[in-house]
Amino acid sequence: MKVIQSDTFKSAFGLCSGQLFSLLKSIRPRKVKGKLLIGTGDPASTGQVLSVYGMLYPFLGNNISVIPDFEQQIIEGELLIKGR
């Protein structure tokens, strides 16, 4: 516990976390597009899946579109990711 609370560990952690964040930022995908056709066979559970998509919409925006199928059980999709 003393190791985690030491000043040396705090400065090393700050340096490493900053470099790791910078690395992840540089390799993240620049463009993401996708289309997903989803159906569970049960309209209620398909609606629950769509409610999760609704909560994620502020992060996904118009880049990922979800098309519900309330009749049959199906999962199909296309995904395009461009980056480094």
Protein backbone atom coordinates (compact mmCIF):
# COMPACT_ATOMS: atom_id res chain seq x y z
CA MET A 1 0.00 0.00 0.00
CA LYS A 2 2.89 2.36 0.70
CA VAL A 3 4.20 1.82 -2.82
CA ILE A 4 0.96 3.07 -4.37
CA GLN A 5 0.90 6.13 -2.14
CA SER A 6 4.53 7.12 -2.78
CA ASP A 7 5.39 10.21 -4.79
CA THR A 8 7.54 8.18 -7.20
CA PHE A 9 4.63 5.92 -8.10
CA LYS A 10 2.27 8.86 -8.56
CA SER A 11 4.64 10.66 -10.93
CA ALA A 12 5.39 7.46 -12.89
CA PHE A 13 1.68 6.66 -13.14
CA GLY A 14 0.92 10.18 -14.36
CA LEU A 15 3.62 9.96 -17.03
CA CYS A 16 2.60 6.49 -18.22
CA SER A 17 -1.12 7.21 -18.25
CA GLY A 18 -0.55 10.38 -20.27
CA GLN A 19 1.55 8.54 -22.85
CA LEU A 20 -0.96 5.66 -23.01
CA PHE A 21 -3.83 8.10 -23.58
CA SER A 22 -1.84 9.81 -26.33
CA LEU A 23 -1.10 6.45 -27.99
CA LEU A 24 -4.74 5.33 -27.87
CA LYS A 25 -5.85 8.67 -29.26
CA SER A 26 -3.47 8.37 -32.22
CA ILE A 27 -4.56 4.82 -33.20
CA ARG A 28 -8.29 5.19 -32.71
CA PRO A 29 -10.45 4.76 -35.79
CA ARG A 30 -11.11 7.95 -37.69
CA LYS A 31 -14.21 6.77 -39.52
CA VAL A 32 -16.81 4.22 -38.43
CA LYS A 33 -19.92 3.38 -40.42
CA GLY A 34 -22.28 0.50 -39.85
CA LYS A 35 -25.69 -0.94 -40.50
CA LEU A 36 -27.30 -3.61 -38.34
CA LEU A 37 -30.50 -5.56 -38.96
CA ILE A 38 -31.60 -7.13 -35.70
CA GLY A 39 -34.57 -9.14 -34.57
CA THR A 40 -35.00 -11.50 -31.65
CA GLY A 41 -38.27 -13.09 -32.67
CA ASP A 42 -39.99 -11.45 -29.70
CA PRO A 43 -41.14 -7.84 -30.14
CA ALA A 44 -40.58 -7.05 -26.45
CA SER A 45 -36.94 -8.14 -26.39
CA THR A 46 -36.30 -6.46 -29.75
CA GLY A 47 -37.63 -3.28 -28.17
CA GLN A 48 -35.22 -3.71 -25.27
CA VAL A 49 -32.31 -4.01 -27.70
CA LEU A 50 -33.48 -0.82 -29.40
CA SER A 51 -33.68 0.95 -26.04
CA VAL A 52 -29.99 0.15 -25.45
CA TYR A 53 -29.22 1.54 -28.91
CA GLY A 54 -31.20 4.64 -27.97
CA MET A 55 -29.00 5.15 -24.91
CA LEU A 56 -25.86 4.76 -27.03
CA TYR A 57 -27.09 7.05 -29.82
CA PRO A 58 -25.39 10.20 -28.45
CA PHE A 59 -22.04 8.40 -28.78
CA LEU A 60 -22.77 6.64 -32.09
CA GLY A 61 -24.71 9.37 -33.87
CA ASN A 62 -25.62 8.73 -37.47
CA ASN A 63 -22.60 6.46 -37.95
CA ILE A 64 -24.36 3.26 -36.87
CA SER A 65 -27.93 2.56 -37.98
CA VAL A 66 -30.06 -0.16 -36.45
CA ILE A 67 -33.02 -1.58 -38.36
CA PRO A 68 -35.40 -3.62 -36.21
CA ASP A 69 -37.22 -6.74 -37.41
CA PHE A 70 -40.02 -7.59 -35.00
CA GLU A 71 -41.11 -10.70 -36.90
CA GLN A 72 -38.08 -13.00 -37.21
CA GLN A 73 -34.92 -13.87 -35.33
CA ILE A 74 -32.03 -12.37 -37.30
CA ILE A 75 -28.74 -10.54 -36.86
CA GLU A 76 -27.04 -9.16 -39.97
CA GLY A 77 -24.71 -6.26 -40.32
CA GLU A 78 -22.03 -4.36 -42.15
CA LEU A 79 -19.19 -2.47 -40.50
CA LEU A 80 -16.59 -0.16 -42.02
CA ILE A 81 -13.72 1.05 -39.85
CA LYS A 82 -10.96 3.29 -41.20
CA GLY A 83 -7.99 4.50 -39.25
CA ARG A 84 -4.38 3.71 -38.53
